[in-house]
Amino acid sequence: MQNTINKFDLKIRNFSSALDEIKSFVDKFDCPEFSIDLSSLNIIDAMKVLMLSSAYHYGRYPDGRIFCRCMSDEIISLIEGVAISNFELI
């Protein structure tokens, strides 16, 4: 049986809408693993979305994973220093 990852591309510049969209996606689909594209957000909003969505996803899927795509080296270096166990940079 092949394990598939639900693809969810976040291409919103508004922090509040992005978080609502992620919550809706997690509630609607059975997604212990999914990918998220934060490359369209600024560094502050990307960090907020990552931290809050990670906590929300962990509450539903403690063994789940979020695969995160970021375009900015600054965001990547900040994320690498944060101790969140359920996400991985891709």
N, C-alpha and C. Protein backbone atom coordinates (compact mmCIF):
# COMPACT_ATOMS: atom_id res chain seq x y z
N MET A 1 0.84 -1.19 0.00
CA MET A 1 0.00 0.00 0.00
C MET A 1 0.89 1.25 0.00
N GLN A 2 0.64 2.13 -0.92
CA GLN A 2 1.46 3.33 -1.06
C GLN A 2 0.94 4.43 -0.14
N ASN A 3 1.84 5.07 0.57
CA ASN A 3 1.48 6.18 1.45
C ASN A 3 1.50 7.47 0.65
N THR A 4 0.37 8.16 0.57
CA THR A 4 0.31 9.39 -0.19
C THR A 4 0.24 10.58 0.74
N ILE A 5 0.78 11.69 0.28
CA ILE A 5 0.74 12.93 1.04
C ILE A 5 -0.26 13.85 0.37
N ASN A 6 -1.20 14.37 1.15
CA ASN A 6 -2.13 15.34 0.60
C ASN A 6 -1.37 16.62 0.29
N LYS A 7 -1.58 17.16 -0.88
CA LYS A 7 -0.89 18.39 -1.29
C LYS A 7 -1.78 19.57 -0.98
N PHE A 8 -1.28 20.48 -0.24
CA PHE A 8 -2.00 21.69 0.10
C PHE A 8 -1.04 22.84 -0.06
N ASP A 9 -1.28 23.66 -1.07
CA ASP A 9 -0.39 24.79 -1.31
C ASP A 9 -1.00 26.06 -0.73
N LEU A 10 -0.32 26.62 0.21
CA LEU A 10 -0.74 27.87 0.81
C LEU A 10 -0.18 29.01 -0.02
N LYS A 11 -1.05 29.71 -0.71
CA LYS A 11 -0.61 30.83 -1.56
C LYS A 11 -1.41 32.07 -1.19
N ILE A 12 -1.50 32.33 0.09
CA ILE A 12 -2.27 33.45 0.60
C ILE A 12 -1.32 34.37 1.36
N ARG A 13 -1.52 35.65 1.24
CA ARG A 13 -0.64 36.60 1.95
C ARG A 13 -1.24 37.05 3.28
N ASN A 14 -2.46 36.67 3.55
CA ASN A 14 -3.14 37.08 4.77
C ASN A 14 -3.01 35.98 5.82
N PHE A 15 -2.38 36.28 6.93
CA PHE A 15 -2.13 35.31 7.99
C PHE A 15 -3.42 34.67 8.49
N SER A 16 -4.45 35.45 8.80
CA SER A 16 -5.69 34.92 9.35
C SER A 16 -6.38 33.97 8.38
N SER A 17 -6.46 34.34 7.12
CA SER A 17 -7.09 33.48 6.12
C SER A 17 -6.30 32.20 5.94
N ALA A 18 -5.01 32.29 5.96
CA ALA A 18 -4.16 31.12 5.77
C ALA A 18 -4.41 30.10 6.88
N LEU A 19 -4.44 30.55 8.10
CA LEU A 19 -4.65 29.64 9.22
C LEU A 19 -6.04 29.02 9.18
N ASP A 20 -7.05 29.80 8.83
CA ASP A 20 -8.41 29.26 8.70
C ASP A 20 -8.47 28.20 7.61
N GLU A 21 -7.77 28.45 6.51
CA GLU A 21 -7.76 27.51 5.41
C GLU A 21 -7.08 26.19 5.80
N ILE A 22 -6.01 26.28 6.55
CA ILE A 22 -5.31 25.09 7.01
C ILE A 22 -6.20 24.30 7.96
N LYS A 23 -6.83 24.98 8.90
CA LYS A 23 -7.73 24.30 9.83
C LYS A 23 -8.86 23.61 9.09
N SER A 24 -9.44 24.28 8.12
CA SER A 24 -10.52 23.71 7.32
C SER A 24 -10.04 22.47 6.57
N PHE A 25 -8.84 22.54 6.00
CA PHE A 25 -8.28 21.40 5.27
C PHE A 25 -8.08 20.21 6.20
N VAL A 26 -7.50 20.44 7.37
CA VAL A 26 -7.24 19.36 8.32
C VAL A 26 -8.55 18.76 8.82
N ASP A 27 -9.56 19.60 9.05
CA ASP A 27 -10.85 19.10 9.51
C ASP A 27 -11.59 18.32 8.43
N LYS A 28 -11.45 18.75 7.18
CA LYS A 28 -12.20 18.15 6.07
C LYS A 28 -11.61 16.83 5.60
N PHE A 29 -10.29 16.73 5.55
CA PHE A 29 -9.62 15.55 5.00
C PHE A 29 -8.88 14.80 6.09
N ASP A 30 -8.80 13.50 5.91
CA ASP A 30 -7.98 12.68 6.79
C ASP A 30 -6.54 12.87 6.34
N CYS A 31 -5.80 13.71 7.04
CA CYS A 31 -4.46 14.07 6.54
C CYS A 31 -3.42 14.02 7.65
N PRO A 32 -3.01 12.81 8.05
CA PRO A 32 -1.92 12.74 9.01
C PRO A 32 -0.62 13.29 8.45
N GLU A 33 -0.53 13.33 7.12
CA GLU A 33 0.63 13.95 6.47
C GLU A 33 0.13 14.83 5.33
N PHE A 34 0.69 16.04 5.24
CA PHE A 34 0.40 16.91 4.11
C PHE A 34 1.53 17.90 3.94
N SER A 35 1.60 18.49 2.76
CA SER A 35 2.65 19.48 2.51
C SER A 35 2.02 20.86 2.43
N ILE A 36 2.81 21.84 2.80
CA ILE A 36 2.35 23.22 2.81
C ILE A 36 3.43 24.10 2.19
N ASP A 37 3.00 25.01 1.37
CA ASP A 37 3.92 25.91 0.69
C ASP A 37 3.78 27.30 1.32
N LEU A 38 4.79 27.71 2.05
CA LEU A 38 4.77 29.01 2.74
C LEU A 38 5.57 30.07 2.00
N SER A 39 5.96 29.78 0.77
CA SER A 39 6.84 30.68 0.05
C SER A 39 6.20 32.02 -0.31
N SER A 40 4.88 32.12 -0.28
CA SER A 40 4.23 33.39 -0.62
C SER A 40 4.06 34.31 0.59
N LEU A 41 4.41 33.84 1.77
CA LEU A 41 4.24 34.65 2.99
C LEU A 41 5.54 35.33 3.40
N ASN A 42 5.40 36.45 4.09
CA ASN A 42 6.60 37.09 4.63
C ASN A 42 7.12 36.26 5.81
N ILE A 43 8.30 36.57 6.28
CA ILE A 43 8.97 35.75 7.28
C ILE A 43 8.19 35.65 8.60
N ILE A 44 7.60 36.74 9.04
CA ILE A 44 6.85 36.74 10.30
C ILE A 44 5.58 35.90 10.17
N ASP A 45 4.81 36.12 9.10
CA ASP A 45 3.57 35.37 8.90
C ASP A 45 3.85 33.89 8.66
N ALA A 46 4.92 33.58 7.95
CA ALA A 46 5.26 32.17 7.71
C ALA A 46 5.56 31.47 9.03
N MET A 47 6.30 32.11 9.91
CA MET A 47 6.59 31.51 11.22
C MET A 47 5.33 31.34 12.05
N LYS A 48 4.45 32.35 12.05
CA LYS A 48 3.20 32.24 12.81
C LYS A 48 2.34 31.11 12.27
N VAL A 49 2.19 31.06 10.96
CA VAL A 49 1.37 30.00 10.35
C VAL A 49 1.96 28.63 10.67
N LEU A 50 3.26 28.49 10.53
CA LEU A 50 3.90 27.21 10.80
C LEU A 50 3.70 26.77 12.25
N MET A 51 3.94 27.66 13.19
CA MET A 51 3.82 27.32 14.61
C MET A 51 2.38 26.94 14.97
N LEU A 52 1.43 27.77 14.54
CA LEU A 52 0.03 27.52 14.91
C LEU A 52 -0.56 26.32 14.17
N SER A 53 -0.25 26.18 12.90
CA SER A 53 -0.78 25.03 12.16
C SER A 53 -0.15 23.73 12.66
N SER A 54 1.12 23.79 13.03
CA SER A 54 1.79 22.62 13.58
C SER A 54 1.12 22.18 14.88
N ALA A 55 0.82 23.12 15.75
CA ALA A 55 0.15 22.80 17.01
C ALA A 55 -1.25 22.23 16.76
N TYR A 56 -1.99 22.84 15.84
CA TYR A 56 -3.33 22.38 15.52
C TYR A 56 -3.29 20.97 14.93
N HIS A 57 -2.40 20.74 13.99
CA HIS A 57 -2.27 19.43 13.35
C HIS A 57 -1.83 18.38 14.37
N TYR A 58 -0.92 18.72 15.25
CA TYR A 58 -0.44 17.79 16.27
C TYR A 58 -1.58 17.35 17.19
N GLY A 59 -2.50 18.26 17.49
CA GLY A 59 -3.65 17.92 18.32
C GLY A 59 -4.53 16.85 17.71
N ARG A 60 -4.61 16.84 16.39
CA ARG A 60 -5.43 15.84 15.69
C ARG A 60 -4.62 14.60 15.34
N TYR A 61 -3.36 14.77 15.01
CA TYR A 61 -2.50 13.68 14.54
C TYR A 61 -1.14 13.75 15.24
N PRO A 62 -1.05 13.25 16.47
CA PRO A 62 0.22 13.35 17.21
C PRO A 62 1.41 12.70 16.50
N ASP A 63 1.15 11.69 15.67
CA ASP A 63 2.23 11.03 14.94
C ASP A 63 2.32 11.52 13.50
N GLY A 64 1.56 12.56 13.15
CA GLY A 64 1.52 13.07 11.78
C GLY A 64 2.73 13.92 11.44
N ARG A 65 2.81 14.30 10.16
CA ARG A 65 3.92 15.12 9.66
C ARG A 65 3.39 16.20 8.74
N ILE A 66 4.01 17.36 8.81
CA ILE A 66 3.76 18.45 7.86
C ILE A 66 5.07 18.67 7.12
N PHE A 67 5.00 18.62 5.81
CA PHE A 67 6.17 18.88 4.98
C PHE A 67 6.06 20.31 4.49
N CYS A 68 7.05 21.11 4.80
CA CYS A 68 6.99 22.55 4.59
C CYS A 68 7.97 23.00 3.51
N ARG A 69 7.46 23.77 2.56
CA ARG A 69 8.30 24.35 1.52
C ARG A 69 8.41 25.85 1.76
N CYS A 70 9.62 26.34 1.82
CA CYS A 70 9.88 27.77 2.00
C CYS A 70 10.91 28.20 0.97
N MET A 71 10.72 29.38 0.43
CA MET A 71 11.65 29.89 -0.58
C MET A 71 12.77 30.71 0.04
N SER A 72 12.53 31.31 1.15
CA SER A 72 13.49 32.23 1.74
C SER A 72 14.50 31.51 2.64
N ASP A 73 15.76 31.79 2.46
CA ASP A 73 16.79 31.22 3.32
C ASP A 73 16.63 31.68 4.77
N GLU A 74 16.12 32.91 4.96
CA GLU A 74 15.91 33.43 6.31
C GLU A 74 14.85 32.62 7.04
N ILE A 75 13.76 32.29 6.33
CA ILE A 75 12.69 31.49 6.94
C ILE A 75 13.22 30.10 7.26
N ILE A 76 13.95 29.52 6.33
CA ILE A 76 14.50 28.18 6.55
C ILE A 76 15.42 28.16 7.75
N SER A 77 16.28 29.15 7.90
CA SER A 77 17.20 29.17 9.03
C SER A 77 16.46 29.37 10.36
N LEU A 78 15.39 30.17 10.35
CA LEU A 78 14.58 30.33 11.56
C LEU A 78 13.85 29.05 11.91
N ILE A 79 13.25 28.40 10.92
CA ILE A 79 12.48 27.19 11.15
C ILE A 79 13.38 26.07 11.67
N GLU A 80 14.57 25.96 11.11
CA GLU A 80 15.49 24.91 11.54
C GLU A 80 15.85 25.04 13.02
N GLY A 81 15.79 26.24 13.56
CA GLY A 81 16.13 26.45 14.96
C GLY A 81 14.97 26.25 15.92
N VAL A 82 13.77 26.00 15.38
CA VAL A 82 12.58 25.83 16.22
C VAL A 82 12.36 24.35 16.47
N ALA A 83 12.09 24.00 17.72
CA ALA A 83 11.89 22.60 18.09
C ALA A 83 10.43 22.20 17.92
N ILE A 84 10.05 21.93 16.67
CA ILE A 84 8.71 21.41 16.38
C ILE A 84 8.94 20.03 15.77
N SER A 85 8.37 19.01 16.39
CA SER A 85 8.68 17.65 15.99
C SER A 85 7.86 17.13 14.81
N ASN A 86 6.78 17.80 14.43
CA ASN A 86 5.93 17.23 13.40
C ASN A 86 6.06 17.90 12.03
N PHE A 87 7.11 18.64 11.81
CA PHE A 87 7.29 19.21 10.46
C PHE A 87 8.68 18.92 9.93
N GLU A 88 8.76 18.95 8.62
CA GLU A 88 10.02 18.69 7.94
C GLU A 88 10.11 19.63 6.73
N LEU A 89 11.27 20.22 6.55
CA LEU A 89 11.49 21.10 5.39
C LEU A 89 11.73 20.26 4.15
N ILE A 90 11.10 20.67 3.04
CA ILE A 90 11.32 19.97 1.77
C ILE A 90 11.80 20.95 0.73
